[in-house]
Amino acid sequence: MTTVEMEKRLTAVERELAELRSRVMIPATSPNHWVEKMAGTFSSPNARAAFDEAMRYGRKWRESQRPKSRKREIAIPGRGVMSGG
């Protein structure tokens, strides 16, 4: 690859990088920023209650996905075998 070709490719890559950075670096004050869209969404009592209910359902589901604990038998010297939890 010649130097001229390499410079053209580098210029194209730098231009594309600048474009990608401009898309990613949306300032927090921009009206398109997700925080601005979400702020105040759950400020009414009804919406807040719905949000809290959704959080409870999510927590309940996550807890249901955890592995169940198995009962273990624990040998304690001088006391024999005990069931543990």
Protein backbone atom coordinates (compact mmCIF):
# COMPACT_ATOMS: atom_id res chain seq x y z
CA MET A 1 0.00 0.00 0.00
CA THR A 2 1.40 3.36 -0.95
CA THR A 3 1.68 6.32 1.37
CA VAL A 4 -1.03 8.19 -0.55
CA GLU A 5 -3.44 5.25 -0.22
CA MET A 6 -2.65 4.93 3.47
CA GLU A 7 -3.31 8.64 4.02
CA LYS A 8 -6.68 8.38 2.21
CA ARG A 9 -7.71 5.42 4.35
CA LEU A 10 -6.60 7.15 7.52
CA THR A 11 -8.55 10.28 6.58
CA ALA A 12 -11.67 8.18 5.94
CA VAL A 13 -11.27 6.39 9.29
CA GLU A 14 -10.80 9.67 11.15
CA ARG A 15 -13.90 11.12 9.47
CA GLU A 16 -15.96 8.05 10.44
CA LEU A 17 -14.62 8.17 14.01
CA ALA A 18 -15.63 11.83 14.30
CA GLU A 19 -19.14 10.93 13.08
CA LEU A 20 -19.47 8.09 15.61
CA ARG A 21 -18.23 10.27 18.45
CA SER A 22 -20.75 12.98 17.58
CA ARG A 23 -23.54 10.39 17.79
CA VAL A 24 -22.39 8.94 21.10
CA MET A 25 -21.50 12.18 22.86
CA ILE A 26 -25.01 13.61 23.23
CA PRO A 27 -24.84 16.26 25.95
CA ALA A 28 -27.04 15.68 29.02
CA THR A 29 -28.86 18.97 28.32
CA SER A 30 -29.98 17.81 24.88
CA PRO A 31 -33.76 17.28 24.55
CA ASN A 32 -33.00 13.85 23.05
CA HIS A 33 -31.07 12.68 26.11
CA TRP A 34 -32.81 9.73 27.83
CA VAL A 35 -32.66 11.37 31.25
CA GLU A 36 -34.63 14.35 29.97
CA LYS A 37 -37.26 12.03 28.49
CA MET A 38 -37.65 10.03 31.72
CA ALA A 39 -37.47 12.85 34.28
CA GLY A 40 -40.82 13.32 36.01
CA THR A 41 -42.43 10.32 34.32
CA PHE A 42 -43.44 8.79 37.64
CA SER A 43 -44.26 12.00 39.49
CA SER A 44 -48.03 11.46 39.72
CA PRO A 45 -49.28 9.20 42.56
CA ASN A 46 -50.90 6.71 40.13
CA ALA A 47 -47.78 6.43 38.02
CA ARG A 48 -45.61 6.05 41.10
CA ALA A 49 -47.84 3.24 42.40
CA ALA A 50 -47.59 1.47 39.02
CA PHE A 51 -43.82 1.86 39.06
CA ASP A 52 -43.58 0.46 42.61
CA GLU A 53 -45.77 -2.50 41.62
CA ALA A 54 -43.58 -3.20 38.60
CA MET A 55 -40.50 -3.14 40.85
CA ARG A 56 -42.16 -5.61 43.26
CA TYR A 57 -43.03 -7.97 40.39
CA GLY A 58 -39.48 -7.73 39.08
CA ARG A 59 -37.99 -8.46 42.50
CA LYS A 60 -40.36 -11.40 43.00
CA TRP A 61 -39.43 -12.84 39.60
CA ARG A 62 -35.67 -12.42 40.21
CA GLU A 63 -35.98 -14.11 43.58
CA SER A 64 -37.88 -16.99 41.97
CA GLN A 65 -34.97 -17.51 39.57
CA ARG A 66 -32.42 -17.99 42.36
CA PRO A 67 -31.38 -21.56 43.09
CA LYS A 68 -33.28 -23.10 45.98
CA SER A 69 -31.16 -23.91 49.03
CA ARG A 70 -30.81 -27.60 49.76
CA LYS A 71 -31.04 -29.08 53.23
CA ARG A 72 -27.64 -30.31 54.35
CA GLU A 73 -26.65 -32.65 57.05
CA ILE A 74 -23.91 -31.31 59.27
CA ALA A 75 -21.78 -33.59 61.42
CA ILE A 76 -21.02 -31.99 64.77
CA PRO A 77 -18.50 -33.81 66.93
CA GLY A 78 -20.14 -35.14 70.10
CA ARG A 79 -23.66 -34.24 68.91
CA GLY A 80 -24.12 -36.45 65.88
CA VAL A 81 -25.64 -35.41 62.58
CA MET A 82 -27.91 -32.37 62.38
CA SER A 83 -29.98 -31.03 59.53
CA GLY A 84 -28.86 -27.59 58.35
CA GLY A 85 -30.46 -25.08 56.10
